[in-house]
Amino acid sequence: MLTLSAYFGLFFAALGAATLLPLQSEAVLVGLLLSDAYPVWALLAVASAGNVLGALINWLLGRYLEHFRHKRWFPLSERQLDRAQGWYTHYGYWSLLLSWMPFIGDPLTLAAGIMREPCWRFLLIVSLAKTGRYAVLAALTLGWS
């Protein structure tokens, strides 16, 4: 039961971290990696799945809620959203390779939804970026050369 709860905790930490919520999943992943109680591949798969699903939530928010951008409760300021859209317009879908980055990645995934990026391409690029980030983190944590 403890194993299952660790995976759930990692999944939801990664999911929350990929949305516009100010959460971190890296500390959870590193802690579980250092415990040496779980297969590395399983931790990477769970963290990546949660993080990609969180990014997909942002994409859906951008796709369907953009017309509320002037509302007070909208999760991004007008300036943040304009900056993300400008970045996305200038660099195109390849900018999604930066979706793993703090402060930049979440607005980019929201902008991708606003800009009507096809879901299949969005998921492919974001999955590569986010899984790659977790793989590098695991390699650094475990001292792989």
N, C-alpha and C. Protein backbone atom coordinates (compact mmCIF):
# COMPACT_ATOMS: atom_id res chain seq x y z
N MET A 1 0.82 -1.19 0.00
CA MET A 1 0.00 0.00 0.00
C MET A 1 0.88 1.27 0.00
N LEU A 2 2.00 1.21 0.72
CA LEU A 2 2.90 2.34 0.77
C LEU A 2 3.44 2.66 -0.61
N THR A 3 3.73 1.63 -1.40
CA THR A 3 4.25 1.82 -2.74
C THR A 3 3.24 2.55 -3.62
N LEU A 4 1.99 2.12 -3.56
CA LEU A 4 0.95 2.75 -4.37
C LEU A 4 0.75 4.21 -3.99
N SER A 5 0.79 4.51 -2.71
CA SER A 5 0.60 5.90 -2.28
C SER A 5 1.78 6.77 -2.72
N ALA A 6 2.97 6.22 -2.77
CA ALA A 6 4.13 6.99 -3.26
C ALA A 6 3.95 7.33 -4.73
N TYR A 7 3.48 6.37 -5.52
CA TYR A 7 3.25 6.63 -6.94
C TYR A 7 2.13 7.67 -7.13
N PHE A 8 1.06 7.55 -6.35
CA PHE A 8 -0.02 8.53 -6.43
C PHE A 8 0.48 9.92 -6.05
N GLY A 9 1.27 10.00 -4.99
CA GLY A 9 1.82 11.28 -4.56
C GLY A 9 2.69 11.91 -5.63
N LEU A 10 3.54 11.10 -6.24
CA LEU A 10 4.40 11.59 -7.32
C LEU A 10 3.56 12.05 -8.51
N PHE A 11 2.57 11.26 -8.89
CA PHE A 11 1.72 11.60 -10.03
C PHE A 11 1.03 12.94 -9.81
N PHE A 12 0.42 13.12 -8.63
CA PHE A 12 -0.32 14.35 -8.39
C PHE A 12 0.60 15.55 -8.16
N ALA A 13 1.78 15.33 -7.62
CA ALA A 13 2.76 16.42 -7.52
C ALA A 13 3.19 16.87 -8.91
N ALA A 14 3.43 15.91 -9.80
CA ALA A 14 3.84 16.23 -11.18
C ALA A 14 2.71 16.88 -11.95
N LEU A 15 1.49 16.38 -11.76
CA LEU A 15 0.34 16.97 -12.43
C LEU A 15 0.15 18.42 -11.97
N GLY A 16 0.15 18.65 -10.68
CA GLY A 16 -0.03 19.99 -10.15
C GLY A 16 1.08 20.94 -10.57
N ALA A 17 2.30 20.44 -10.62
CA ALA A 17 3.44 21.27 -11.00
C ALA A 17 3.35 21.73 -12.45
N ALA A 18 2.69 20.96 -13.30
CA ALA A 18 2.58 21.31 -14.71
C ALA A 18 1.42 22.24 -14.99
N THR A 19 0.53 22.40 -14.03
CA THR A 19 -0.56 23.36 -14.22
C THR A 19 -0.06 24.71 -13.74
N LEU A 20 -0.94 25.64 -13.66
CA LEU A 20 -0.55 26.98 -13.24
C LEU A 20 -0.42 27.10 -11.73
N LEU A 21 -0.56 25.99 -11.01
CA LEU A 21 -0.38 26.00 -9.55
C LEU A 21 1.11 26.06 -9.22
N PRO A 22 1.48 26.74 -8.17
CA PRO A 22 2.91 26.85 -7.81
C PRO A 22 3.39 25.64 -7.01
N LEU A 23 3.50 24.51 -7.67
CA LEU A 23 3.95 23.27 -7.02
C LEU A 23 5.25 22.78 -7.65
N GLN A 24 5.96 21.95 -6.92
CA GLN A 24 7.21 21.36 -7.42
C GLN A 24 7.10 19.83 -7.33
N SER A 25 7.54 19.17 -8.37
CA SER A 25 7.54 17.71 -8.37
C SER A 25 8.94 17.13 -8.27
N GLU A 26 9.94 17.94 -8.54
CA GLU A 26 11.31 17.46 -8.58
C GLU A 26 11.76 16.91 -7.22
N ALA A 27 11.41 17.59 -6.13
CA ALA A 27 11.81 17.13 -4.80
C ALA A 27 11.20 15.77 -4.48
N VAL A 28 9.95 15.58 -4.88
CA VAL A 28 9.28 14.29 -4.65
C VAL A 28 10.00 13.19 -5.43
N LEU A 29 10.28 13.46 -6.69
CA LEU A 29 10.97 12.47 -7.53
C LEU A 29 12.35 12.15 -6.96
N VAL A 30 13.11 13.17 -6.61
CA VAL A 30 14.46 12.94 -6.08
C VAL A 30 14.39 12.12 -4.79
N GLY A 31 13.46 12.44 -3.92
CA GLY A 31 13.31 11.67 -2.67
C GLY A 31 13.02 10.21 -2.94
N LEU A 32 12.14 9.94 -3.88
CA LEU A 32 11.80 8.55 -4.21
C LEU A 32 12.96 7.85 -4.91
N LEU A 33 13.69 8.57 -5.74
CA LEU A 33 14.87 7.97 -6.39
C LEU A 33 15.92 7.60 -5.36
N LEU A 34 16.15 8.50 -4.41
CA LEU A 34 17.18 8.24 -3.39
C LEU A 34 16.78 7.15 -2.40
N SER A 35 15.49 6.89 -2.28
CA SER A 35 15.04 5.83 -1.37
C SER A 35 15.44 4.45 -1.90
N ASP A 36 15.70 4.36 -3.19
CA ASP A 36 16.10 3.11 -3.84
C ASP A 36 15.07 2.00 -3.63
N ALA A 37 13.80 2.39 -3.40
CA ALA A 37 12.75 1.40 -3.16
C ALA A 37 11.86 1.19 -4.38
N TYR A 38 12.08 1.97 -5.43
CA TYR A 38 11.20 1.93 -6.60
C TYR A 38 12.04 1.86 -7.87
N PRO A 39 11.54 1.16 -8.88
CA PRO A 39 12.26 1.11 -10.16
C PRO A 39 12.31 2.51 -10.78
N VAL A 40 13.47 2.89 -11.27
CA VAL A 40 13.66 4.22 -11.86
C VAL A 40 12.69 4.42 -13.02
N TRP A 41 12.55 3.41 -13.88
CA TRP A 41 11.68 3.54 -15.04
C TRP A 41 10.23 3.82 -14.62
N ALA A 42 9.77 3.20 -13.54
CA ALA A 42 8.39 3.41 -13.08
C ALA A 42 8.21 4.82 -12.54
N LEU A 43 9.19 5.31 -11.80
CA LEU A 43 9.10 6.68 -11.28
C LEU A 43 9.09 7.68 -12.43
N LEU A 44 9.95 7.47 -13.42
CA LEU A 44 9.98 8.37 -14.57
C LEU A 44 8.67 8.33 -15.35
N ALA A 45 8.10 7.15 -15.50
CA ALA A 45 6.83 7.01 -16.23
C ALA A 45 5.70 7.71 -15.49
N VAL A 46 5.63 7.53 -14.18
CA VAL A 46 4.55 8.14 -13.38
C VAL A 46 4.69 9.66 -13.36
N ALA A 47 5.90 10.15 -13.12
CA ALA A 47 6.13 11.60 -13.08
C ALA A 47 5.84 12.22 -14.45
N SER A 48 6.30 11.59 -15.51
CA SER A 48 6.08 12.10 -16.86
C SER A 48 4.60 12.12 -17.20
N ALA A 49 3.89 11.05 -16.88
CA ALA A 49 2.45 10.98 -17.18
C ALA A 49 1.70 12.09 -16.44
N GLY A 50 2.00 12.29 -15.18
CA GLY A 50 1.34 13.35 -14.43
C GLY A 50 1.66 14.72 -14.98
N ASN A 51 2.92 14.96 -15.32
CA ASN A 51 3.35 16.26 -15.81
C ASN A 51 2.75 16.56 -17.19
N VAL A 52 2.69 15.57 -18.05
CA VAL A 52 2.10 15.76 -19.38
C VAL A 52 0.59 15.99 -19.25
N LEU A 53 -0.06 15.27 -18.36
CA LEU A 53 -1.49 15.49 -18.15
C LEU A 53 -1.75 16.90 -17.62
N GLY A 54 -0.91 17.39 -16.73
CA GLY A 54 -1.04 18.76 -16.25
C GLY A 54 -0.88 19.77 -17.37
N ALA A 55 0.08 19.54 -18.27
CA ALA A 55 0.27 20.42 -19.42
C ALA A 55 -0.95 20.37 -20.34
N LEU A 56 -1.53 19.19 -20.48
CA LEU A 56 -2.74 19.06 -21.31
C LEU A 56 -3.89 19.86 -20.70
N ILE A 57 -3.98 19.89 -19.39
CA ILE A 57 -5.00 20.71 -18.73
C ILE A 57 -4.80 22.18 -19.11
N ASN A 58 -3.54 22.65 -19.09
CA ASN A 58 -3.26 24.02 -19.51
C ASN A 58 -3.67 24.25 -20.96
N TRP A 59 -3.35 23.31 -21.83
CA TRP A 59 -3.72 23.42 -23.24
C TRP A 59 -5.23 23.54 -23.39
N LEU A 60 -5.96 22.71 -22.65
CA LEU A 60 -7.43 22.77 -22.70
C LEU A 60 -7.95 24.09 -22.17
N LEU A 61 -7.34 24.59 -21.08
CA LEU A 61 -7.73 25.89 -20.56
C LEU A 61 -7.51 26.97 -21.61
N GLY A 62 -6.38 26.94 -22.26
CA GLY A 62 -6.10 27.92 -23.30
C GLY A 62 -7.06 27.79 -24.47
N ARG A 63 -7.37 26.59 -24.81
CA ARG A 63 -8.23 26.33 -25.96
C ARG A 63 -9.66 26.82 -25.74
N TYR A 64 -10.16 26.62 -24.52
CA TYR A 64 -11.58 26.88 -24.29
C TYR A 64 -11.89 28.06 -23.38
N LEU A 65 -10.92 28.54 -22.64
CA LEU A 65 -11.21 29.60 -21.68
C LEU A 65 -10.55 30.94 -22.03
N GLU A 66 -9.90 31.02 -23.17
CA GLU A 66 -9.17 32.24 -23.52
C GLU A 66 -10.08 33.46 -23.57
N HIS A 67 -11.33 33.29 -23.93
CA HIS A 67 -12.21 34.44 -24.02
C HIS A 67 -12.52 35.05 -22.64
N PHE A 68 -12.08 34.39 -21.57
CA PHE A 68 -12.22 34.93 -20.22
C PHE A 68 -10.95 35.64 -19.75
N ARG A 69 -10.00 35.87 -20.63
CA ARG A 69 -8.69 36.40 -20.25
C ARG A 69 -8.78 37.74 -19.52
N HIS A 70 -9.83 38.49 -19.69
CA HIS A 70 -9.96 39.80 -19.03
C HIS A 70 -10.64 39.69 -17.67
N LYS A 71 -11.05 38.50 -17.31
CA LYS A 71 -11.70 38.31 -16.00
C LYS A 71 -10.65 38.33 -14.90
N ARG A 72 -11.04 38.76 -13.76
CA ARG A 72 -10.13 38.89 -12.63
C ARG A 72 -9.56 37.54 -12.17
N TRP A 73 -10.33 36.49 -12.28
CA TRP A 73 -9.92 35.18 -11.79
C TRP A 73 -9.03 34.42 -12.79
N PHE A 74 -8.85 34.95 -13.99
CA PHE A 74 -8.05 34.25 -14.99
C PHE A 74 -6.64 34.03 -14.42
N PRO A 75 -6.07 32.82 -14.57
CA PRO A 75 -4.83 32.48 -13.87
C PRO A 75 -3.57 33.24 -14.29
N LEU A 76 -3.58 33.89 -15.44
CA LEU A 76 -2.42 34.65 -15.89
C LEU A 76 -2.79 36.11 -16.06
N SER A 77 -1.83 36.97 -15.80
CA SER A 77 -2.07 38.39 -16.06
C SER A 77 -2.07 38.61 -17.57
N GLU A 78 -2.61 39.73 -17.98
CA GLU A 78 -2.65 40.09 -19.40
C GLU A 78 -1.22 40.14 -19.97
N ARG A 79 -0.30 40.68 -19.19
CA ARG A 79 1.10 40.79 -19.63
C ARG A 79 1.74 39.41 -19.81
N GLN A 80 1.53 38.51 -18.84
CA GLN A 80 2.10 37.17 -18.94
C GLN A 80 1.55 36.44 -20.17
N LEU A 81 0.25 36.56 -20.38
CA LEU A 81 -0.37 35.88 -21.50
C LEU A 81 0.10 36.45 -22.84
N ASP A 82 0.20 37.78 -22.93
CA ASP A 82 0.70 38.40 -24.17
C ASP A 82 2.14 37.99 -24.45
N ARG A 83 2.95 37.91 -23.40
CA ARG A 83 4.34 37.50 -23.58
C ARG A 83 4.44 36.05 -24.07
N ALA A 84 3.63 35.18 -23.47
CA ALA A 84 3.64 33.78 -23.89
C ALA A 84 3.16 33.63 -25.33
N GLN A 85 2.12 34.36 -25.69
CA GLN A 85 1.61 34.30 -27.06
C GLN A 85 2.65 34.84 -28.05
N GLY A 86 3.33 35.91 -27.67
CA GLY A 86 4.37 36.46 -28.53
C GLY A 86 5.50 35.47 -28.75
N TRP A 87 5.93 34.85 -27.67
CA TRP A 87 6.99 33.83 -27.74
C TRP A 87 6.54 32.69 -28.65
N TYR A 88 5.30 32.26 -28.43
CA TYR A 88 4.79 31.12 -29.20
C TYR A 88 4.65 31.48 -30.68
N THR A 89 4.19 32.68 -30.96
CA THR A 89 4.05 33.12 -32.35
C THR A 89 5.42 33.21 -33.03
N HIS A 90 6.38 33.71 -32.30
CA HIS A 90 7.73 33.89 -32.88
C HIS A 90 8.44 32.56 -33.11
N TYR A 91 8.38 31.66 -32.14
CA TYR A 91 9.15 30.41 -32.23
C TYR A 91 8.32 29.21 -32.67
N GLY A 92 7.01 29.33 -32.68
CA GLY A 92 6.15 28.25 -33.13
C GLY A 92 6.10 27.08 -32.16
N TYR A 93 5.66 25.95 -32.67
CA TYR A 93 5.45 24.79 -31.81
C TYR A 93 6.74 24.25 -31.21
N TRP A 94 7.89 24.56 -31.80
CA TRP A 94 9.16 24.08 -31.22
C TRP A 94 9.44 24.72 -29.87
N SER A 95 8.78 25.85 -29.59
CA SER A 95 8.95 26.46 -28.28
C SER A 95 8.43 25.56 -27.17
N LEU A 96 7.58 24.61 -27.53
CA LEU A 96 7.07 23.66 -26.53
C LEU A 96 8.17 22.77 -25.95
N LEU A 97 9.33 22.73 -26.61
CA LEU A 97 10.45 21.99 -26.03
C LEU A 97 10.90 22.64 -24.72
N LEU A 98 10.49 23.89 -24.48
CA LEU A 98 10.79 24.58 -23.23
C LEU A 98 9.67 24.44 -22.21
N SER A 99 8.72 23.58 -22.47
CA SER A 99 7.58 23.41 -21.56
C SER A 99 7.99 22.86 -20.20
N TRP A 100 9.17 22.33 -20.08
CA TRP A 100 9.66 21.80 -18.80
C TRP A 100 10.19 22.89 -17.89
N MET A 101 10.43 24.08 -18.41
CA MET A 101 11.09 25.13 -17.64
C MET A 101 10.13 25.82 -16.66
N PRO A 102 10.64 26.13 -15.47
CA PRO A 102 9.82 26.89 -14.52
C PRO A 102 9.50 28.28 -15.06
N PHE A 103 8.36 28.78 -14.73
CA PHE A 103 7.88 30.12 -15.08
C PHE A 103 7.57 30.32 -16.55
N ILE A 104 8.24 29.61 -17.43
CA ILE A 104 8.03 29.76 -18.88
C ILE A 104 7.11 28.67 -19.41
N GLY A 105 7.32 27.46 -18.93
CA GLY A 105 6.63 26.30 -19.49
C GLY A 105 5.12 26.32 -19.36
N ASP A 106 4.61 26.67 -18.19
CA ASP A 106 3.16 26.64 -18.00
C ASP A 106 2.44 27.66 -18.89
N PRO A 107 2.91 28.92 -18.94
CA PRO A 107 2.26 29.85 -19.87
C PRO A 107 2.39 29.43 -21.34
N LEU A 108 3.50 28.77 -21.69
CA LEU A 108 3.65 28.30 -23.07
C LEU A 108 2.60 27.25 -23.42
N THR A 109 2.34 26.34 -22.49
CA THR A 109 1.35 25.30 -22.78
C THR A 109 -0.05 25.89 -22.87
N LEU A 110 -0.32 26.91 -22.07
CA LEU A 110 -1.60 27.62 -22.16
C LEU A 110 -1.69 28.36 -23.50
N ALA A 111 -0.60 29.03 -23.89
CA ALA A 111 -0.57 29.74 -25.17
C ALA A 111 -0.76 28.78 -26.34
N ALA A 112 -0.22 27.58 -26.23
CA ALA A 112 -0.39 26.59 -27.31
C ALA A 112 -1.87 26.26 -27.52
N GLY A 113 -2.62 26.19 -26.43
CA GLY A 113 -4.05 25.97 -26.55
C GLY A 113 -4.74 27.16 -27.19
N ILE A 114 -4.37 28.36 -26.77
CA ILE A 114 -4.96 29.57 -27.34
C ILE A 114 -4.66 29.65 -28.83
N MET A 115 -3.44 29.29 -29.21
CA MET A 115 -3.02 29.36 -30.61
C MET A 115 -3.51 28.16 -31.42
N ARG A 116 -4.32 27.32 -30.82
CA ARG A 116 -4.94 26.17 -31.49
C ARG A 116 -3.93 25.16 -32.03
N GLU A 117 -2.87 24.94 -31.26
CA GLU A 117 -1.89 23.92 -31.63
C GLU A 117 -2.60 22.57 -31.65
N PRO A 118 -2.40 21.76 -32.70
CA PRO A 118 -3.03 20.43 -32.72
C PRO A 118 -2.60 19.59 -31.51
N CYS A 119 -3.55 18.91 -30.94
CA CYS A 119 -3.30 18.14 -29.72
C CYS A 119 -2.22 17.09 -29.90
N TRP A 120 -2.21 16.39 -31.03
CA TRP A 120 -1.24 15.32 -31.23
C TRP A 120 0.19 15.86 -31.22
N ARG A 121 0.41 17.00 -31.88
CA ARG A 121 1.76 17.59 -31.92
C ARG A 121 2.13 18.14 -30.55
N PHE A 122 1.17 18.78 -29.89
CA PHE A 122 1.39 19.30 -28.54
C PHE A 122 1.84 18.17 -27.61
N LEU A 123 1.09 17.07 -27.60
CA LEU A 123 1.42 15.95 -26.70
C LEU A 123 2.77 15.33 -27.04
N LEU A 124 3.09 15.21 -28.31
CA LEU A 124 4.37 14.63 -28.71
C LEU A 124 5.55 15.47 -28.21
N ILE A 125 5.51 16.76 -28.49
CA ILE A 125 6.64 17.63 -28.12
C ILE A 125 6.73 17.79 -26.60
N VAL A 126 5.60 18.02 -25.95
CA VAL A 126 5.60 18.20 -24.50
C VAL A 126 6.04 16.91 -23.80
N SER A 127 5.62 15.77 -24.30
CA SER A 127 6.05 14.50 -23.70
C SER A 127 7.56 14.32 -23.79
N LEU A 128 8.13 14.64 -24.94
CA LEU A 128 9.58 14.57 -25.10
C LEU A 128 10.30 15.49 -24.12
N ALA A 129 9.82 16.73 -24.02
CA ALA A 129 10.47 17.72 -23.16
C ALA A 129 10.38 17.34 -21.68
N LYS A 130 9.21 16.97 -21.25
CA LYS A 130 9.01 16.71 -19.83
C LYS A 130 9.64 15.39 -19.39
N THR A 131 9.55 14.38 -20.23
CA THR A 131 10.20 13.11 -19.92
C THR A 131 11.72 13.28 -19.92
N GLY A 132 12.21 14.04 -20.88
CA GLY A 132 13.65 14.32 -20.94
C GLY A 132 14.15 15.02 -19.70
N ARG A 133 13.38 15.99 -19.21
CA ARG A 133 13.77 16.71 -17.99
C ARG A 133 13.86 15.76 -16.80
N TYR A 134 12.87 14.89 -16.64
CA TYR A 134 12.89 13.94 -15.52
C TYR A 134 14.03 12.93 -15.68
N ALA A 135 14.32 12.53 -16.90
CA ALA A 135 15.42 11.58 -17.13
C ALA A 135 16.76 12.22 -16.76
N VAL A 136 16.96 13.47 -17.13
CA VAL A 136 18.20 14.18 -16.77
C VAL A 136 18.27 14.33 -15.25
N LEU A 137 17.16 14.67 -14.61
CA LEU A 137 17.14 14.80 -13.16
C LEU A 137 17.50 13.47 -12.48
N ALA A 138 16.96 12.37 -13.00
CA ALA A 138 17.28 11.05 -12.44
C ALA A 138 18.74 10.72 -12.64
N ALA A 139 19.27 11.02 -13.81
CA ALA A 139 20.69 10.73 -14.09
C ALA A 139 21.59 11.53 -13.15
N LEU A 140 21.27 12.81 -12.93
CA LEU A 140 22.08 13.62 -12.03
C LEU A 140 21.95 13.14 -10.58
N THR A 141 20.75 12.79 -10.18
CA THR A 141 20.50 12.33 -8.82
C THR A 141 21.23 11.03 -8.52
N LEU A 142 21.21 10.13 -9.48
CA LEU A 142 21.79 8.80 -9.28
C LEU A 142 23.25 8.72 -9.69
N GLY A 143 23.81 9.83 -10.16
CA GLY A 143 25.22 9.87 -10.50
C GLY A 143 25.59 9.10 -11.76
N TRP A 144 24.64 9.00 -12.69
CA TRP A 144 24.95 8.35 -13.96
C TRP A 144 25.81 9.26 -14.79
N SER A 145 26.79 8.71 -15.45
CA SER A 145 27.69 9.55 -16.29
C SER A 145 27.30 9.49 -17.73
